[in-house]
């Protein structure tokens, strides 16, 4: 599985850090939860494995810090930002 770029991305994490893989992401700038969205693409072998097992493993590198909330999904989440007037309502 690898992370892939997408039309709505607004930043690339680790862009100038060769020791890490780059992470294209959409930053939800007005989201009170500090949400970001990334897109991953599976190989054909991975797709077949998920089809037959129904299982995805997810590892998180915390470097012994607090665990941040994670969310895996198959449907593309909305990435439209609210207008300033909607934030004040």
PDB file of N, CA and C in Angstrom:
ATOM      1  N   UNK A   1       0.857  -1.164   0.000  1.00  0.00           N
ATOM      2  CA  UNK A   1       0.000   0.000   0.000  1.00  0.00           C
ATOM      3  C   UNK A   1       0.903   1.227   0.000  1.00  0.00           C
ATOM      4  N   UNK A   2       0.523   2.209  -0.783  1.00  0.00           N
ATOM      5  CA  UNK A   2       1.319   3.435  -0.787  1.00  0.00           C
ATOM      6  C   UNK A   2       0.401   4.650  -0.793  1.00  0.00           C
ATOM      7  N   UNK A   3       0.915   5.732  -0.255  1.00  0.00           N
ATOM      8  CA  UNK A   3       0.169   6.974  -0.220  1.00  0.00           C
ATOM      9  C   UNK A   3       0.271   7.614  -1.609  1.00  0.00           C
ATOM     10  N   UNK A   4      -0.821   8.232  -2.061  1.00  0.00           N
ATOM     11  CA  UNK A   4      -0.820   8.843  -3.392  1.00  0.00           C
ATOM     12  C   UNK A   4      -1.330  10.283  -3.314  1.00  0.00           C
ATOM     13  N   UNK A   5      -0.893  11.074  -4.250  1.00  0.00           N
ATOM     14  CA  UNK A   5      -1.352  12.453  -4.327  1.00  0.00           C
ATOM     15  C   UNK A   5      -2.795  12.489  -4.823  1.00  0.00           C
ATOM     16  N   UNK A   6      -3.499  13.599  -4.546  1.00  0.00           N
ATOM     17  CA  UNK A   6      -4.877  13.755  -4.994  1.00  0.00           C
ATOM     18  C   UNK A   6      -5.161  15.238  -5.198  1.00  0.00           C
ATOM     19  N   UNK A   7      -6.200  15.518  -5.959  1.00  0.00           N
ATOM     20  CA  UNK A   7      -6.516  16.876  -6.402  1.00  0.00           C
ATOM     21  C   UNK A   7      -6.678  17.870  -5.259  1.00  0.00           C
ATOM     22  N   UNK A   8      -7.314  17.474  -4.183  1.00  0.00           N
ATOM     23  CA  UNK A   8      -7.632  18.407  -3.097  1.00  0.00           C
ATOM     24  C   UNK A   8      -6.499  18.595  -2.080  1.00  0.00           C
ATOM     25  N   UNK A   9      -5.376  17.927  -2.262  1.00  0.00           N
ATOM     26  CA  UNK A   9      -4.307  18.047  -1.265  1.00  0.00           C
ATOM     27  C   UNK A   9      -3.829  19.493  -1.170  1.00  0.00           C
ATOM     28  N   UNK A  10      -3.498  19.902   0.054  1.00  0.00           N
ATOM     29  CA  UNK A  10      -3.064  21.279   0.291  1.00  0.00           C
ATOM     30  C   UNK A  10      -1.649  21.362   0.853  1.00  0.00           C
ATOM     31  N   UNK A  11      -1.065  20.205   1.213  1.00  0.00           N
ATOM     32  CA  UNK A  11       0.289  20.194   1.758  1.00  0.00           C
ATOM     33  C   UNK A  11       0.920  18.831   1.548  1.00  0.00           C
ATOM     34  N   UNK A  12       2.226  18.765   1.754  1.00  0.00           N
ATOM     35  CA  UNK A  12       2.946  17.498   1.739  1.00  0.00           C
ATOM     36  C   UNK A  12       3.812  17.472   2.993  1.00  0.00           C
ATOM     37  N   UNK A  13       3.478  16.579   3.924  1.00  0.00           N
ATOM     38  CA  UNK A  13       4.278  16.432   5.139  1.00  0.00           C
ATOM     39  C   UNK A  13       5.582  15.723   4.806  1.00  0.00           C
ATOM     40  N   UNK A  14       6.638  16.083   5.505  1.00  0.00           N
ATOM     41  CA  UNK A  14       7.980  15.505   5.336  1.00  0.00           C
ATOM     42  C   UNK A  14       8.546  15.787   3.946  1.00  0.00           C
ATOM     43  N   UNK A  15       8.139  16.871   3.330  1.00  0.00           N
ATOM     44  CA  UNK A  15       8.575  17.194   1.968  1.00  0.00           C
ATOM     45  C   UNK A  15      10.095  17.326   1.868  1.00  0.00           C
ATOM     46  N   UNK A  16      10.717  17.907   2.856  1.00  0.00           N
ATOM     47  CA  UNK A  16      12.174  18.098   2.830  1.00  0.00           C
ATOM     48  C   UNK A  16      12.875  17.261   3.886  1.00  0.00           C
ATOM     49  N   UNK A  17      12.315  16.095   4.167  1.00  0.00           N
ATOM     50  CA  UNK A  17      12.900  15.189   5.156  1.00  0.00           C
ATOM     51  C   UNK A  17      13.128  13.829   4.496  1.00  0.00           C
ATOM     52  N   UNK A  18      14.292  13.633   3.888  1.00  0.00           N
ATOM     53  CA  UNK A  18      14.532  12.394   3.133  1.00  0.00           C
ATOM     54  C   UNK A  18      14.488  11.117   3.977  1.00  0.00           C
ATOM     55  N   UNK A  19      14.599  11.228   5.295  1.00  0.00           N
ATOM     56  CA  UNK A  19      14.548  10.038   6.141  1.00  0.00           C
ATOM     57  C   UNK A  19      13.122   9.498   6.290  1.00  0.00           C
ATOM     58  N   UNK A  20      12.115  10.276   5.857  1.00  0.00           N
ATOM     59  CA  UNK A  20      10.716   9.864   5.942  1.00  0.00           C
ATOM     60  C   UNK A  20      10.084   9.825   4.559  1.00  0.00           C
ATOM     61  N   UNK A  21       9.008   9.064   4.430  1.00  0.00           N
ATOM     62  CA  UNK A  21       8.214   9.094   3.205  1.00  0.00           C
ATOM     63  C   UNK A  21       7.346  10.343   3.222  1.00  0.00           C
ATOM     64  N   UNK A  22       7.168  10.931   2.064  1.00  0.00           N
ATOM     65  CA  UNK A  22       6.316  12.118   1.971  1.00  0.00           C
ATOM     66  C   UNK A  22       4.851  11.721   2.132  1.00  0.00           C
ATOM     67  N   UNK A  23       4.061  12.631   2.715  1.00  0.00           N
ATOM     68  CA  UNK A  23       2.652  12.366   2.968  1.00  0.00           C
ATOM     69  C   UNK A  23       1.805  13.510   2.433  1.00  0.00           C
ATOM     70  N   UNK A  24       1.294  13.379   1.185  1.00  0.00           N
ATOM     71  CA  UNK A  24       0.378  14.389   0.661  1.00  0.00           C
ATOM     72  C   UNK A  24      -0.907  14.372   1.489  1.00  0.00           C
ATOM     73  N   UNK A  25      -1.429  15.550   1.804  1.00  0.00           N
ATOM     74  CA  UNK A  25      -2.611  15.617   2.663  1.00  0.00           C
ATOM     75  C   UNK A  25      -3.430  16.859   2.374  1.00  0.00           C
ATOM     76  N   UNK A  26      -4.694  16.767   2.702  1.00  0.00           N
ATOM     77  CA  UNK A  26      -5.590  17.926   2.695  1.00  0.00           C
ATOM     78  C   UNK A  26      -5.768  18.342   4.151  1.00  0.00           C
ATOM     79  N   UNK A  27      -5.399  19.573   4.473  1.00  0.00           N
ATOM     80  CA  UNK A  27      -5.574  20.092   5.826  1.00  0.00           C
ATOM     81  C   UNK A  27      -6.922  20.799   5.894  1.00  0.00           C
ATOM     82  N   UNK A  28      -7.776  20.342   6.781  1.00  0.00           N
ATOM     83  CA  UNK A  28      -9.089  20.954   6.967  1.00  0.00           C
ATOM     84  C   UNK A  28      -8.890  22.154   7.891  1.00  0.00           C
ATOM     85  N   UNK A  29      -8.644  23.308   7.303  1.00  0.00           N
ATOM     86  CA  UNK A  29      -8.180  24.485   8.043  1.00  0.00           C
ATOM     87  C   UNK A  29      -9.148  24.994   9.094  1.00  0.00           C
ATOM     88  N   UNK A  30     -10.441  24.819   8.901  1.00  0.00           N
ATOM     89  CA  UNK A  30     -11.415  25.342   9.856  1.00  0.00           C
ATOM     90  C   UNK A  30     -12.004  24.250  10.748  1.00  0.00           C
ATOM     91  N   UNK A  31     -11.386  23.099  10.767  1.00  0.00           N
ATOM     92  CA  UNK A  31     -11.903  21.972  11.535  1.00  0.00           C
ATOM     93  C   UNK A  31     -11.388  22.046  12.973  1.00  0.00           C
ATOM     94  N   UNK A  32     -12.279  22.049  13.946  1.00  0.00           N
ATOM     95  CA  UNK A  32     -11.874  22.170  15.345  1.00  0.00           C
ATOM     96  C   UNK A  32     -11.095  20.953  15.841  1.00  0.00           C
ATOM     97  N   UNK A  33     -11.201  19.834  15.135  1.00  0.00           N
ATOM     98  CA  UNK A  33     -10.479  18.623  15.520  1.00  0.00           C
ATOM     99  C   UNK A  33      -9.079  18.569  14.902  1.00  0.00           C
ATOM    100  N   UNK A  34      -8.727  19.534  14.053  1.00  0.00           N
ATOM    101  CA  UNK A  34      -7.415  19.529  13.413  1.00  0.00           C
ATOM    102  C   UNK A  34      -7.253  18.402  12.406  1.00  0.00           C
ATOM    103  N   UNK A  35      -8.317  18.064  11.723  1.00  0.00           N
ATOM    104  CA  UNK A  35      -8.362  16.924  10.808  1.00  0.00           C
ATOM    105  C   UNK A  35      -7.498  17.145   9.569  1.00  0.00           C
ATOM    106  N   UNK A  36      -6.827  16.081   9.125  1.00  0.00           N
ATOM    107  CA  UNK A  36      -6.174  16.035   7.815  1.00  0.00           C
ATOM    108  C   UNK A  36      -6.668  14.775   7.113  1.00  0.00           C
ATOM    109  N   UNK A  37      -6.636  14.783   5.780  1.00  0.00           N
ATOM    110  CA  UNK A  37      -7.066  13.625   5.001  1.00  0.00           C
ATOM    111  C   UNK A  37      -5.941  13.222   4.064  1.00  0.00           C
ATOM    112  N   UNK A  38      -5.657  11.919   4.012  1.00  0.00           N
ATOM    113  CA  UNK A  38      -4.643  11.357   3.109  1.00  0.00           C
ATOM    114  C   UNK A  38      -5.298  10.261   2.275  1.00  0.00           C
ATOM    115  N   UNK A  39      -4.680   9.934   1.166  1.00  0.00           N
ATOM    116  CA  UNK A  39      -5.232   8.902   0.279  1.00  0.00           C
ATOM    117  C   UNK A  39      -4.192   7.806   0.085  1.00  0.00           C
ATOM    118  N   UNK A  40      -4.621   6.575   0.224  1.00  0.00           N
ATOM    119  CA  UNK A  40      -3.747   5.411   0.051  1.00  0.00           C
ATOM    120  C   UNK A  40      -4.288   4.535  -1.076  1.00  0.00           C
ATOM    121  N   UNK A  41      -3.414   3.876  -1.776  1.00  0.00           N
ATOM    122  CA  UNK A  41      -3.832   2.965  -2.854  1.00  0.00           C
ATOM    123  C   UNK A  41      -3.224   1.588  -2.597  1.00  0.00           C
ATOM    124  N   UNK A  42      -4.073   0.567  -2.699  1.00  0.00           N
ATOM    125  CA  UNK A  42      -3.638  -0.815  -2.490  1.00  0.00           C
ATOM    126  C   UNK A  42      -3.165  -1.436  -3.798  1.00  0.00           C
ATOM    127  N   UNK A  43      -2.225  -2.379  -3.675  1.00  0.00           N
ATOM    128  CA  UNK A  43      -1.824  -3.182  -4.823  1.00  0.00           C
ATOM    129  C   UNK A  43      -2.934  -4.199  -5.083  1.00  0.00           C
ATOM    130  N   UNK A  44      -2.869  -4.886  -6.213  1.00  0.00           N
ATOM    131  CA  UNK A  44      -3.880  -5.910  -6.508  1.00  0.00           C
ATOM    132  C   UNK A  44      -3.830  -7.025  -5.475  1.00  0.00           C
ATOM    133  N   UNK A  45      -2.632  -7.419  -5.052  1.00  0.00           N
ATOM    134  CA  UNK A  45      -2.506  -8.462  -4.033  1.00  0.00           C
ATOM    135  C   UNK A  45      -3.166  -8.018  -2.736  1.00  0.00           C
ATOM    136  N   UNK A  46      -2.942  -6.775  -2.335  1.00  0.00           N
ATOM    137  CA  UNK A  46      -3.562  -6.254  -1.115  1.00  0.00           C
ATOM    138  C   UNK A  46      -5.084  -6.216  -1.238  1.00  0.00           C
ATOM    139  N   UNK A  47      -5.577  -5.834  -2.397  1.00  0.00           N
ATOM    140  CA  UNK A  47      -7.029  -5.801  -2.613  1.00  0.00           C
ATOM    141  C   UNK A  47      -7.642  -7.188  -2.454  1.00  0.00           C
ATOM    142  N   UNK A  48      -6.983  -8.187  -3.038  1.00  0.00           N
ATOM    143  CA  UNK A  48      -7.490  -9.559  -2.930  1.00  0.00           C
ATOM    144  C   UNK A  48      -7.428 -10.052  -1.487  1.00  0.00           C
ATOM    145  N   UNK A  49      -6.359  -9.723  -0.787  1.00  0.00           N
ATOM    146  CA  UNK A  49      -6.229 -10.124   0.618  1.00  0.00           C
ATOM    147  C   UNK A  49      -7.356  -9.532   1.454  1.00  0.00           C
ATOM    148  N   UNK A  50      -7.639  -8.241   1.267  1.00  0.00           N
ATOM    149  CA  UNK A  50      -8.728  -7.597   2.008  1.00  0.00           C
ATOM    150  C   UNK A  50     -10.072  -8.200   1.613  1.00  0.00           C
ATOM    151  N   UNK A  51     -10.252  -8.496   0.343  1.00  0.00           N
ATOM    152  CA  UNK A  51     -11.503  -9.095  -0.117  1.00  0.00           C
ATOM    153  C   UNK A  51     -11.774 -10.423   0.590  1.00  0.00           C
ATOM    154  N   UNK A  52     -10.736 -11.254   0.715  1.00  0.00           N
ATOM    155  CA  UNK A  52     -10.924 -12.576   1.303  1.00  0.00           C
ATOM    156  C   UNK A  52     -10.854 -12.595   2.822  1.00  0.00           C
ATOM    157  N   UNK A  53     -10.067 -11.707   3.424  1.00  0.00           N
ATOM    158  CA  UNK A  53      -9.925 -11.739   4.880  1.00  0.00           C
ATOM    159  C   UNK A  53     -10.778 -10.685   5.582  1.00  0.00           C
ATOM    160  N   UNK A  54     -11.100  -9.598   4.881  1.00  0.00           N
ATOM    161  CA  UNK A  54     -11.840  -8.507   5.498  1.00  0.00           C
ATOM    162  C   UNK A  54     -11.030  -7.777   6.562  1.00  0.00           C
ATOM    163  N   UNK A  55      -9.708  -7.895   6.515  1.00  0.00           N
ATOM    164  CA  UNK A  55      -8.847  -7.355   7.562  1.00  0.00           C
ATOM    165  C   UNK A  55      -7.813  -6.386   6.998  1.00  0.00           C
ATOM    166  N   UNK A  56      -7.620  -5.269   7.718  1.00  0.00           N
ATOM    167  CA  UNK A  56      -6.531  -4.337   7.430  1.00  0.00           C
ATOM    168  C   UNK A  56      -5.772  -4.125   8.730  1.00  0.00           C
ATOM    169  N   UNK A  57      -4.459  -4.242   8.700  1.00  0.00           N
ATOM    170  CA  UNK A  57      -3.620  -3.954   9.860  1.00  0.00           C
ATOM    171  C   UNK A  57      -3.157  -2.515   9.766  1.00  0.00           C
ATOM    172  N   UNK A  58      -3.077  -1.840  10.898  1.00  0.00           N
ATOM    173  CA  UNK A  58      -2.718  -0.414  10.931  1.00  0.00           C
ATOM    174  C   UNK A  58      -1.681  -0.222  12.031  1.00  0.00           C
ATOM    175  N   UNK A  59      -0.442   0.148  11.653  1.00  0.00           N
ATOM    176  CA  UNK A  59       0.587   0.430  12.646  1.00  0.00           C
ATOM    177  C   UNK A  59       0.771   1.931  12.765  1.00  0.00           C
ATOM    178  N   UNK A  60       0.995   2.387  13.991  1.00  0.00           N
ATOM    179  CA  UNK A  60       1.171   3.808  14.257  1.00  0.00           C
ATOM    180  C   UNK A  60       2.480   3.999  15.013  1.00  0.00           C
ATOM    181  N   UNK A  61       3.338   4.861  14.517  1.00  0.00           N
ATOM    182  CA  UNK A  61       4.577   5.182  15.213  1.00  0.00           C
ATOM    183  C   UNK A  61       4.302   6.346  16.155  1.00  0.00           C
ATOM    184  N   UNK A  62       4.295   6.082  17.448  1.00  0.00           N
ATOM    185  CA  UNK A  62       3.998   7.138  18.427  1.00  0.00           C
ATOM    186  C   UNK A  62       5.257   7.704  19.060  1.00  0.00           C
ATOM    187  N   UNK A  63       6.394   7.014  18.894  1.00  0.00           N
ATOM    188  CA  UNK A  63       7.645   7.417  19.545  1.00  0.00           C
ATOM    189  C   UNK A  63       7.418   7.613  21.038  1.00  0.00           C
ATOM    190  N   UNK A  64       6.574   6.744  21.599  1.00  0.00           N
ATOM    191  CA  UNK A  64       6.224   6.694  23.023  1.00  0.00           C
ATOM    192  C   UNK A  64       5.456   7.924  23.497  1.00  0.00           C
ATOM    193  N   UNK A  65       4.860   8.667  22.568  1.00  0.00           N
ATOM    194  CA  UNK A  65       4.012   9.795  22.914  1.00  0.00           C
ATOM    195  C   UNK A  65       2.564   9.352  22.968  1.00  0.00           C
ATOM    196  N   UNK A  66       1.654  10.269  23.283  1.00  0.00           N
ATOM    197  CA  UNK A  66       0.230   9.918  23.339  1.00  0.00           C
ATOM    198  C   UNK A  66      -0.290   9.500  21.965  1.00  0.00           C
ATOM    199  N   UNK A  67      -1.200   8.568  21.959  1.00  0.00           N
ATOM    200  CA  UNK A  67      -1.817   8.101  20.723  1.00  0.00           C
ATOM    201  C   UNK A  67      -2.847   9.114  20.255  1.00  0.00           C
ATOM    202  N   UNK A  68      -2.778   9.484  19.003  1.00  0.00           N
ATOM    203  CA  UNK A  68      -3.747  10.394  18.407  1.00  0.00           C
ATOM    204  C   UNK A  68      -4.897   9.579  17.821  1.00  0.00           C
ATOM    205  N   UNK A  69      -6.121  10.110  17.823  1.00  0.00           N
ATOM    206  CA  UNK A  69      -7.245   9.389  17.217  1.00  0.00           C
ATOM    207  C   UNK A  69      -6.990   9.112  15.735  1.00  0.00           C
ATOM    208  N   UNK A  70      -7.364   7.941  15.280  1.00  0.00           N
ATOM    209  CA  UNK A  70      -7.176   7.511  13.896  1.00  0.00           C
ATOM    210  C   UNK A  70      -8.524   7.105  13.313  1.00  0.00           C
ATOM    211  N   UNK A  71      -8.685   7.236  12.002  1.00  0.00           N
ATOM    212  CA  UNK A  71      -9.917   6.819  11.341  1.00  0.00           C
ATOM    213  C   UNK A  71      -9.574   6.290   9.958  1.00  0.00           C
ATOM    214  N   UNK A  72      -9.895   5.031   9.703  1.00  0.00           N
ATOM    215  CA  UNK A  72      -9.731   4.436   8.380  1.00  0.00           C
ATOM    216  C   UNK A  72     -11.103   4.376   7.733  1.00  0.00           C
ATOM    217  N   UNK A  73     -11.173   4.661   6.427  1.00  0.00           N
ATOM    218  CA  UNK A  73     -12.457   4.607   5.735  1.00  0.00           C
ATOM    219  C   UNK A  73     -12.240   4.250   4.272  1.00  0.00           C
ATOM    220  N   UNK A  74     -13.292   3.832   3.615  1.00  0.00           N
ATOM    221  CA  UNK A  74     -13.205   3.517   2.195  1.00  0.00           C
ATOM    222  C   UNK A  74     -13.866   4.581   1.331  1.00  0.00           C
ATOM    223  N   UNK A  75     -14.748   5.379   1.906  1.00  0.00           N
ATOM    224  CA  UNK A  75     -15.412   6.437   1.151  1.00  0.00           C
ATOM    225  C   UNK A  75     -14.661   7.750   1.316  1.00  0.00           C
ATOM    226  N   UNK A  76     -14.572   8.505   0.223  1.00  0.00           N
ATOM    227  CA  UNK A  76     -13.898   9.795   0.250  1.00  0.00           C
ATOM    228  C   UNK A  76     -14.679  10.769   1.128  1.00  0.00           C
ATOM    229  N   UNK A  77     -14.019  11.374   2.135  1.00  0.00           N
ATOM    230  CA  UNK A  77     -14.728  12.325   2.988  1.00  0.00           C
ATOM    231  C   UNK A  77     -14.871  13.674   2.291  1.00  0.00           C
ATOM    232  N   UNK A  78     -15.849  14.480   2.694  1.00  0.00           N
ATOM    233  CA  UNK A  78     -15.986  15.810   2.096  1.00  0.00           C
ATOM    234  C   UNK A  78     -14.782  16.674   2.466  1.00  0.00           C
ATOM    235  N   UNK A  79     -14.289  17.433   1.509  1.00  0.00           N
ATOM    236  CA  UNK A  79     -13.130  18.289   1.753  1.00  0.00           C
ATOM    237  C   UNK A  79     -13.413  19.733   1.425  1.00  0.00           C
ATOM    238  N   UNK A  80     -14.702  20.083   1.319  1.00  0.00           N
ATOM    239  CA  UNK A  80     -15.051  21.474   1.074  1.00  0.00           C
ATOM    240  C   UNK A  80     -15.010  22.216   2.400  1.00  0.00           C
ATOM    241  N   UNK A  81     -14.361  23.348   2.404  1.00  0.00           N
ATOM    242  CA  UNK A  81     -14.203  24.134   3.618  1.00  0.00           C
ATOM    243  C   UNK A  81     -15.412  25.049   3.804  1.00  0.00           C
ATOM    244  N   UNK A  82     -15.868  25.241   5.034  1.00  0.00           N
ATOM    245  CA  UNK A  82     -17.000  26.163   5.260  1.00  0.00           C
ATOM    246  C   UNK A  82     -16.568  27.603   4.997  1.00  0.00           C
ATOM    247  N   UNK A  83     -17.521  28.418   4.581  1.00  0.00           N
ATOM    248  CA  UNK A  83     -17.258  29.834   4.385  1.00  0.00           C
ATOM    249  C   UNK A  83     -17.136  30.510   5.742  1.00  0.00           C
ATOM    250  N   UNK A  84     -16.457  31.633   5.799  1.00  0.00           N
ATOM    251  CA  UNK A  84     -16.280  32.368   7.037  1.00  0.00           C
ATOM    252  C   UNK A  84     -17.607  32.681   7.706  1.00  0.00           C
ATOM    253  N   UNK A  85     -18.633  33.023   6.903  1.00  0.00           N
ATOM    254  CA  UNK A  85     -19.950  33.345   7.466  1.00  0.00           C
ATOM    255  C   UNK A  85     -20.583  32.142   8.160  1.00  0.00           C
ATOM    256  N   UNK A  86     -20.302  30.925   7.667  1.00  0.00           N
ATOM    257  CA  UNK A  86     -20.834  29.721   8.300  1.00  0.00           C
ATOM    258  C   UNK A  86     -20.181  29.482   9.649  1.00  0.00           C
ATOM    259  N   UNK A  87     -18.923  29.879   9.792  1.00  0.00           N
ATOM    260  CA  UNK A  87     -18.219  29.690  11.049  1.00  0.00           C
ATOM    261  C   UNK A  87     -18.760  30.609  12.136  1.00  0.00           C
ATOM    262  N   UNK A  88     -19.252  31.764  11.754  1.00  0.00           N
ATOM    263  CA  UNK A  88     -19.747  32.747  12.720  1.00  0.00           C
ATOM    264  C   UNK A  88     -21.194  32.524  13.097  1.00  0.00           C
ATOM    265  N   UNK A  89     -21.905  31.711  12.341  1.00  0.00           N
ATOM    266  CA  UNK A  89     -23.340  31.479  12.583  1.00  0.00           C
ATOM    267  C   UNK A  89     -23.581  30.653  13.819  1.00  0.00           C
TER     268      UNK A  89
END
